[in-house]
Protein backbone atom coordinates (compact mmCIF):
# COMPACT_ATOMS: atom_id res chain seq x y z
CA UNK A 1 0.00 0.00 0.00
CA UNK A 2 1.15 3.50 -0.80
CA UNK A 3 0.08 7.02 0.05
CA UNK A 4 -1.19 8.94 -2.94
CA UNK A 5 -3.13 12.09 -3.69
CA UNK A 6 -5.66 12.65 -6.45
CA UNK A 7 -8.25 15.18 -7.55
CA UNK A 8 -11.04 13.22 -9.17
CA UNK A 9 -12.76 9.89 -9.54
CA UNK A 10 -12.99 7.79 -12.67
CA UNK A 11 -16.14 8.65 -14.63
CA UNK A 12 -19.35 7.70 -12.89
CA UNK A 13 -17.60 5.27 -10.56
CA UNK A 14 -17.36 7.07 -7.23
CA UNK A 15 -14.74 5.36 -5.14
CA UNK A 16 -12.30 4.70 -8.00
CA UNK A 17 -9.51 7.29 -7.69
CA UNK A 18 -8.22 8.59 -11.02
CA UNK A 19 -4.79 9.88 -12.02
CA UNK A 20 -3.04 9.26 -8.66
CA UNK A 21 0.21 10.94 -7.59
CA UNK A 22 2.36 8.90 -5.18
CA UNK A 23 3.71 10.71 -2.11
CA UNK A 24 6.14 9.49 0.53
CA UNK A 25 4.96 7.90 3.76
CA UNK A 26 6.44 10.82 5.69
CA UNK A 27 4.55 13.37 3.58
CA UNK A 28 1.36 11.32 3.91
CA UNK A 29 1.63 11.37 7.70
CA UNK A 30 2.47 15.08 7.78
CA UNK A 31 -0.45 15.85 5.47
CA UNK A 32 -2.86 13.88 7.69
CA UNK A 33 -1.60 15.80 10.73
CA UNK A 34 -1.97 19.21 9.09
CA UNK A 35 -5.37 18.41 7.58
CA UNK A 36 -6.75 16.75 10.72
CA UNK A 37 -7.59 13.45 9.05
CA UNK A 38 -6.90 9.97 10.40
CA UNK A 39 -5.32 6.86 8.94
CA UNK A 40 -8.77 5.24 9.02
CA UNK A 41 -10.06 8.12 6.85
CA UNK A 42 -7.40 7.63 4.19
CA UNK A 43 -7.92 3.87 4.00
CA UNK A 44 -11.44 4.43 2.59
CA UNK A 45 -11.99 5.11 -1.09
CA UNK A 46 -15.45 6.51 -0.42
CA UNK A 47 -16.04 8.96 1.01
CA UNK A 48 -12.65 10.32 0.00
CA UNK A 49 -10.40 11.94 2.62
CA UNK A 50 -10.40 15.54 1.41
CA UNK A 51 -7.49 17.63 2.67
CA UNK A 52 -7.94 20.79 0.59
CA UNK A 53 -10.20 22.84 -1.65
CA UNK A 54 -9.12 24.07 -5.07
CA UNK A 55 -6.81 27.04 -4.64
CA UNK A 56 -5.81 26.23 -1.03
CA UNK A 57 -2.12 26.14 -0.12
CA UNK A 58 -2.18 22.36 0.37
CA UNK A 59 -3.97 21.93 -2.97
CA UNK A 60 -1.13 23.76 -4.72
CA UNK A 61 1.61 22.07 -2.66
CA UNK A 62 0.31 18.64 -3.71
CA UNK A 63 0.16 19.31 -7.43
CA UNK A 64 -3.48 20.37 -7.71
CA UNK A 65 -4.88 17.45 -5.74
CA UNK A 66 -7.37 17.48 -2.87
CA UNK A 67 -7.86 13.88 -1.73
CA UNK A 68 -5.46 11.58 0.14
CA UNK A 69 -5.58 7.80 0.18
CA UNK A 70 -3.47 4.95 1.51
CA UNK A 71 -4.16 2.03 -0.75
CA UNK A 72 -3.38 -0.17 -3.70
CA UNK A 73 -2.51 1.77 -6.85
CA UNK A 74 -3.80 -1.14 -8.94
CA UNK A 75 -7.32 -0.11 -7.93
CA UNK A 76 -6.87 3.35 -9.48
CA UNK A 77 -7.76 4.44 -13.01
CA UNK A 78 -5.76 6.59 -15.41
CA UNK A 79 -2.35 5.94 -13.90
CA UNK A 80 0.63 7.80 -15.39
CA UNK A 81 4.05 6.17 -14.97
CA UNK A 82 5.71 9.49 -14.13
CA UNK A 83 3.27 10.05 -11.24
CA UNK A 84 3.43 6.58 -9.73
CA UNK A 85 7.09 5.66 -10.28
CA UNK A 86 8.44 8.10 -7.68
CA UNK A 87 6.93 10.23 -4.92
CA UNK A 88 6.08 13.89 -5.44
CA UNK A 89 8.69 16.15 -3.88
CA UNK A 90 6.85 18.25 -1.31
CA UNK A 91 8.38 21.44 0.10
CA UNK A 92 6.87 22.00 3.56
CA UNK A 93 8.56 25.41 4.02
C-alpha atoms as a PDB file:
ATOM      1  CA  UNK A   1       0.000   0.000   0.000  1.00  0.00           C
ATOM      2  CA  UNK A   2       1.151   3.497  -0.803  1.00  0.00           C
ATOM      3  CA  UNK A   3       0.084   7.016   0.053  1.00  0.00           C
ATOM      4  CA  UNK A   4      -1.193   8.937  -2.939  1.00  0.00           C
ATOM      5  CA  UNK A   5      -3.127  12.092  -3.694  1.00  0.00           C
ATOM      6  CA  UNK A   6      -5.656  12.646  -6.446  1.00  0.00           C
ATOM      7  CA  UNK A   7      -8.252  15.180  -7.547  1.00  0.00           C
ATOM      8  CA  UNK A   8     -11.044  13.217  -9.172  1.00  0.00           C
ATOM      9  CA  UNK A   9     -12.760   9.887  -9.537  1.00  0.00           C
ATOM     10  CA  UNK A  10     -12.988   7.786 -12.669  1.00  0.00           C
ATOM     11  CA  UNK A  11     -16.139   8.646 -14.628  1.00  0.00           C
ATOM     12  CA  UNK A  12     -19.352   7.704 -12.886  1.00  0.00           C
ATOM     13  CA  UNK A  13     -17.601   5.275 -10.557  1.00  0.00           C
ATOM     14  CA  UNK A  14     -17.361   7.069  -7.225  1.00  0.00           C
ATOM     15  CA  UNK A  15     -14.735   5.364  -5.139  1.00  0.00           C
ATOM     16  CA  UNK A  16     -12.297   4.698  -7.997  1.00  0.00           C
ATOM     17  CA  UNK A  17      -9.505   7.287  -7.694  1.00  0.00           C
ATOM     18  CA  UNK A  18      -8.219   8.593 -11.023  1.00  0.00           C
ATOM     19  CA  UNK A  19      -4.786   9.883 -12.018  1.00  0.00           C
ATOM     20  CA  UNK A  20      -3.041   9.264  -8.662  1.00  0.00           C
ATOM     21  CA  UNK A  21       0.205  10.936  -7.587  1.00  0.00           C
ATOM     22  CA  UNK A  22       2.357   8.900  -5.183  1.00  0.00           C
ATOM     23  CA  UNK A  23       3.709  10.707  -2.115  1.00  0.00           C
ATOM     24  CA  UNK A  24       6.144   9.493   0.534  1.00  0.00           C
ATOM     25  CA  UNK A  25       4.956   7.900   3.760  1.00  0.00           C
ATOM     26  CA  UNK A  26       6.442  10.824   5.692  1.00  0.00           C
ATOM     27  CA  UNK A  27       4.551  13.365   3.575  1.00  0.00           C
ATOM     28  CA  UNK A  28       1.364  11.317   3.913  1.00  0.00           C
ATOM     29  CA  UNK A  29       1.629  11.371   7.701  1.00  0.00           C
ATOM     30  CA  UNK A  30       2.466  15.084   7.783  1.00  0.00           C
ATOM     31  CA  UNK A  31      -0.454  15.849   5.471  1.00  0.00           C
ATOM     32  CA  UNK A  32      -2.857  13.883   7.694  1.00  0.00           C
ATOM     33  CA  UNK A  33      -1.596  15.800  10.729  1.00  0.00           C
ATOM     34  CA  UNK A  34      -1.974  19.214   9.094  1.00  0.00           C
ATOM     35  CA  UNK A  35      -5.371  18.407   7.582  1.00  0.00           C
ATOM     36  CA  UNK A  36      -6.747  16.752  10.719  1.00  0.00           C
ATOM     37  CA  UNK A  37      -7.593  13.454   9.051  1.00  0.00           C
ATOM     38  CA  UNK A  38      -6.901   9.972  10.397  1.00  0.00           C
ATOM     39  CA  UNK A  39      -5.322   6.865   8.943  1.00  0.00           C
ATOM     40  CA  UNK A  40      -8.766   5.244   9.022  1.00  0.00           C
ATOM     41  CA  UNK A  41     -10.061   8.124   6.854  1.00  0.00           C
ATOM     42  CA  UNK A  42      -7.402   7.626   4.192  1.00  0.00           C
ATOM     43  CA  UNK A  43      -7.923   3.871   3.998  1.00  0.00           C
ATOM     44  CA  UNK A  44     -11.436   4.428   2.593  1.00  0.00           C
ATOM     45  CA  UNK A  45     -11.987   5.109  -1.089  1.00  0.00           C
ATOM     46  CA  UNK A  46     -15.449   6.506  -0.420  1.00  0.00           C
ATOM     47  CA  UNK A  47     -16.044   8.957   1.010  1.00  0.00           C
ATOM     48  CA  UNK A  48     -12.647  10.317  -0.004  1.00  0.00           C
ATOM     49  CA  UNK A  49     -10.397  11.942   2.616  1.00  0.00           C
ATOM     50  CA  UNK A  50     -10.400  15.540   1.410  1.00  0.00           C
ATOM     51  CA  UNK A  51      -7.491  17.626   2.674  1.00  0.00           C
ATOM     52  CA  UNK A  52      -7.940  20.795   0.587  1.00  0.00           C
ATOM     53  CA  UNK A  53     -10.201  22.839  -1.650  1.00  0.00           C
ATOM     54  CA  UNK A  54      -9.122  24.069  -5.068  1.00  0.00           C
ATOM     55  CA  UNK A  55      -6.808  27.043  -4.642  1.00  0.00           C
ATOM     56  CA  UNK A  56      -5.808  26.228  -1.028  1.00  0.00           C
ATOM     57  CA  UNK A  57      -2.118  26.145  -0.119  1.00  0.00           C
ATOM     58  CA  UNK A  58      -2.176  22.359   0.369  1.00  0.00           C
ATOM     59  CA  UNK A  59      -3.971  21.933  -2.965  1.00  0.00           C
ATOM     60  CA  UNK A  60      -1.133  23.762  -4.717  1.00  0.00           C
ATOM     61  CA  UNK A  61       1.612  22.069  -2.656  1.00  0.00           C
ATOM     62  CA  UNK A  62       0.309  18.645  -3.706  1.00  0.00           C
ATOM     63  CA  UNK A  63       0.160  19.306  -7.433  1.00  0.00           C
ATOM     64  CA  UNK A  64      -3.478  20.373  -7.710  1.00  0.00           C
ATOM     65  CA  UNK A  65      -4.882  17.451  -5.745  1.00  0.00           C
ATOM     66  CA  UNK A  66      -7.370  17.483  -2.867  1.00  0.00           C
ATOM     67  CA  UNK A  67      -7.864  13.876  -1.732  1.00  0.00           C
ATOM     68  CA  UNK A  68      -5.465  11.581   0.137  1.00  0.00           C
ATOM     69  CA  UNK A  69      -5.576   7.805   0.180  1.00  0.00           C
ATOM     70  CA  UNK A  70      -3.470   4.952   1.510  1.00  0.00           C
ATOM     71  CA  UNK A  71      -4.162   2.030  -0.750  1.00  0.00           C
ATOM     72  CA  UNK A  72      -3.380  -0.170  -3.699  1.00  0.00           C
ATOM     73  CA  UNK A  73      -2.511   1.768  -6.854  1.00  0.00           C
ATOM     74  CA  UNK A  74      -3.803  -1.142  -8.936  1.00  0.00           C
ATOM     75  CA  UNK A  75      -7.323  -0.105  -7.930  1.00  0.00           C
ATOM     76  CA  UNK A  76      -6.873   3.354  -9.484  1.00  0.00           C
ATOM     77  CA  UNK A  77      -7.760   4.436 -13.007  1.00  0.00           C
ATOM     78  CA  UNK A  78      -5.762   6.586 -15.415  1.00  0.00           C
ATOM     79  CA  UNK A  79      -2.350   5.944 -13.902  1.00  0.00           C
ATOM     80  CA  UNK A  80       0.632   7.800 -15.391  1.00  0.00           C
ATOM     81  CA  UNK A  81       4.052   6.168 -14.971  1.00  0.00           C
ATOM     82  CA  UNK A  82       5.708   9.487 -14.132  1.00  0.00           C
ATOM     83  CA  UNK A  83       3.273  10.054 -11.245  1.00  0.00           C
ATOM     84  CA  UNK A  84       3.433   6.578  -9.728  1.00  0.00           C
ATOM     85  CA  UNK A  85       7.086   5.656 -10.277  1.00  0.00           C
ATOM     86  CA  UNK A  86       8.440   8.099  -7.680  1.00  0.00           C
ATOM     87  CA  UNK A  87       6.932  10.231  -4.920  1.00  0.00           C
ATOM     88  CA  UNK A  88       6.075  13.886  -5.442  1.00  0.00           C
ATOM     89  CA  UNK A  89       8.689  16.153  -3.882  1.00  0.00           C
ATOM     90  CA  UNK A  90       6.850  18.254  -1.306  1.00  0.00           C
ATOM     91  CA  UNK A  91       8.376  21.444   0.098  1.00  0.00           C
ATOM     92  CA  UNK A  92       6.874  22.003   3.559  1.00  0.00           C
ATOM     93  CA  UNK A  93       8.561  25.409   4.022  1.00  0.00           C
END
